Amino acid sequence: MSVAQAVVMAANGSASTDADGSRVGPGLLGFLVFAGLCAALIVLYRSLRRQLRRIDFDAEGESDAERMRRDGTTHDTTGDGPTP
């Protein structure tokens, strides 16, 4: 098709467009990426929830140092662990 024919077709409005705005979408790849992100989000949420359940939370506000002092243990700075 020559340039002149393309100009005439565009002026007449008879040019066929395969990708008009109403038919273009993300397709299968976009859906798979979205589904993968949703699955990853669910897995990460469940993992975070499991980790948060393992945290020993003291509602009374007692710090670790106070709790260790009360239990009779001291903090060892050498890394060998608590000493009785």
C-alpha atoms as a PDB file:
ATOM      1  CA  MET A   1       0.000   0.000   0.000  1.00  0.00           C
ATOM      2  CA  SER A   2       1.392   3.351  -0.926  1.00  0.00           C
ATOM      3  CA  VAL A   3       1.343   6.458   1.207  1.00  0.00           C
ATOM      4  CA  ALA A   4      -1.228   8.090  -1.061  1.00  0.00           C
ATOM      5  CA  GLN A   5      -3.633   5.172  -0.700  1.00  0.00           C
ATOM      6  CA  ALA A   6      -3.227   5.234   3.087  1.00  0.00           C
ATOM      7  CA  VAL A   7      -4.007   8.963   3.174  1.00  0.00           C
ATOM      8  CA  VAL A   8      -7.112   8.485   1.020  1.00  0.00           C
ATOM      9  CA  MET A   9      -8.339   5.592   3.140  1.00  0.00           C
ATOM     10  CA  ALA A  10      -7.755   7.554   6.352  1.00  0.00           C
ATOM     11  CA  ALA A  11      -9.613  10.567   4.950  1.00  0.00           C
ATOM     12  CA  ASN A  12     -12.574   8.419   3.920  1.00  0.00           C
ATOM     13  CA  GLY A  13     -12.647   6.601   7.256  1.00  0.00           C
ATOM     14  CA  SER A  14     -12.480   3.219   5.581  1.00  0.00           C
ATOM     15  CA  ALA A  15      -9.246   2.214   7.242  1.00  0.00           C
ATOM     16  CA  SER A  16      -9.812  -0.859   9.337  1.00  0.00           C
ATOM     17  CA  THR A  17      -8.290  -0.791  12.788  1.00  0.00           C
ATOM     18  CA  ASP A  18      -7.677  -4.088  14.480  1.00  0.00           C
ATOM     19  CA  ALA A  19      -6.899  -2.579  17.869  1.00  0.00           C
ATOM     20  CA  ASP A  20      -9.751  -0.261  18.673  1.00  0.00           C
ATOM     21  CA  GLY A  21     -10.042   0.865  22.297  1.00  0.00           C
ATOM     22  CA  SER A  22     -12.966  -1.389  23.186  1.00  0.00           C
ATOM     23  CA  ARG A  23     -11.283  -4.675  22.344  1.00  0.00           C
ATOM     24  CA  VAL A  24      -7.805  -4.219  23.808  1.00  0.00           C
ATOM     25  CA  GLY A  25      -7.288  -5.844  27.188  1.00  0.00           C
ATOM     26  CA  PRO A  26      -4.567  -7.345  29.349  1.00  0.00           C
ATOM     27  CA  GLY A  27      -5.218 -10.844  28.075  1.00  0.00           C
ATOM     28  CA  LEU A  28      -4.217 -14.135  29.592  1.00  0.00           C
ATOM     29  CA  LEU A  29      -0.745 -12.991  30.635  1.00  0.00           C
ATOM     30  CA  GLY A  30      -2.163 -10.079  32.619  1.00  0.00           C
ATOM     31  CA  PHE A  31      -4.619 -12.391  34.359  1.00  0.00           C
ATOM     32  CA  LEU A  32      -1.882 -14.892  35.242  1.00  0.00           C
ATOM     33  CA  VAL A  33       0.353 -12.156  36.664  1.00  0.00           C
ATOM     34  CA  PHE A  34      -2.533 -10.796  38.741  1.00  0.00           C
ATOM     35  CA  ALA A  35      -3.464 -14.268  39.995  1.00  0.00           C
ATOM     36  CA  GLY A  36       0.177 -14.947  40.896  1.00  0.00           C
ATOM     37  CA  LEU A  37       0.423 -11.702  42.849  1.00  0.00           C
ATOM     38  CA  CYS A  38      -2.789 -12.542  44.718  1.00  0.00           C
ATOM     39  CA  ALA A  39      -1.485 -16.013  45.582  1.00  0.00           C
ATOM     40  CA  ALA A  40       1.823 -14.557  46.818  1.00  0.00           C
ATOM     41  CA  LEU A  41      -0.056 -12.019  48.927  1.00  0.00           C
ATOM     42  CA  ILE A  42      -2.128 -14.768  50.567  1.00  0.00           C
ATOM     43  CA  VAL A  43       0.977 -16.855  51.327  1.00  0.00           C
ATOM     44  CA  LEU A  44       2.823 -13.855  52.793  1.00  0.00           C
ATOM     45  CA  TYR A  45      -0.190 -12.863  54.908  1.00  0.00           C
ATOM     46  CA  ARG A  46      -0.520 -16.352  56.356  1.00  0.00           C
ATOM     47  CA  SER A  47       3.208 -16.482  57.127  1.00  0.00           C
ATOM     48  CA  LEU A  48       3.112 -13.090  58.841  1.00  0.00           C
ATOM     49  CA  ARG A  49       0.089 -14.111  60.899  1.00  0.00           C
ATOM     50  CA  ARG A  50       1.885 -17.295  62.002  1.00  0.00           C
ATOM     51  CA  GLN A  51       4.998 -15.333  63.017  1.00  0.00           C
ATOM     52  CA  LEU A  52       2.964 -12.791  64.974  1.00  0.00           C
ATOM     53  CA  ARG A  53       1.305 -15.581  66.964  1.00  0.00           C
ATOM     54  CA  ARG A  54       4.745 -16.775  68.128  1.00  0.00           C
ATOM     55  CA  ILE A  55       5.634 -13.427  69.697  1.00  0.00           C
ATOM     56  CA  ASP A  56       5.538 -13.469  73.497  1.00  0.00           C
ATOM     57  CA  PHE A  57       3.651 -10.263  74.266  1.00  0.00           C
ATOM     58  CA  ASP A  58       3.364  -9.073  77.843  1.00  0.00           C
ATOM     59  CA  ALA A  59       0.227  -6.970  78.270  1.00  0.00           C
ATOM     60  CA  GLU A  60       1.396  -5.673  81.649  1.00  0.00           C
ATOM     61  CA  GLY A  61       4.303  -3.851  80.021  1.00  0.00           C
ATOM     62  CA  GLU A  62       7.107  -5.664  81.807  1.00  0.00           C
ATOM     63  CA  SER A  63      10.398  -5.387  79.923  1.00  0.00           C
ATOM     64  CA  ASP A  64      12.705  -8.309  79.215  1.00  0.00           C
ATOM     65  CA  ALA A  65      15.245  -7.061  81.752  1.00  0.00           C
ATOM     66  CA  GLU A  66      12.598  -6.894  84.486  1.00  0.00           C
ATOM     67  CA  ARG A  67      11.307 -10.345  83.618  1.00  0.00           C
ATOM     68  CA  MET A  68      14.813 -11.839  83.674  1.00  0.00           C
ATOM     69  CA  ARG A  69      15.568 -10.129  86.995  1.00  0.00           C
ATOM     70  CA  ARG A  70      12.352 -11.514  88.453  1.00  0.00           C
ATOM     71  CA  ASP A  71      13.123 -15.016  87.174  1.00  0.00           C
ATOM     72  CA  GLY A  72      16.632 -14.874  88.667  1.00  0.00           C
ATOM     73  CA  THR A  73      18.546 -14.923  85.402  1.00  0.00           C
ATOM     74  CA  THR A  74      21.009 -12.327  84.172  1.00  0.00           C
ATOM     75  CA  HIS A  75      21.942 -11.374  80.654  1.00  0.00           C
ATOM     76  CA  ASP A  76      25.355 -12.621  79.587  1.00  0.00           C
ATOM     77  CA  THR A  77      27.088 -10.281  77.129  1.00  0.00           C
ATOM     78  CA  THR A  78      29.608 -12.917  76.020  1.00  0.00           C
ATOM     79  CA  GLY A  79      26.999 -14.773  73.992  1.00  0.00           C
ATOM     80  CA  ASP A  80      27.149 -17.998  76.024  1.00  0.00           C
ATOM     81  CA  GLY A  81      23.567 -17.638  77.159  1.00  0.00           C
ATOM     82  CA  PRO A  82      21.859 -16.754  80.461  1.00  0.00           C
ATOM     83  CA  THR A  83      23.558 -17.599  83.718  1.00  0.00           C
ATOM     84  CA  PRO A  84      21.510 -18.693  86.746  1.00  0.00           C
END
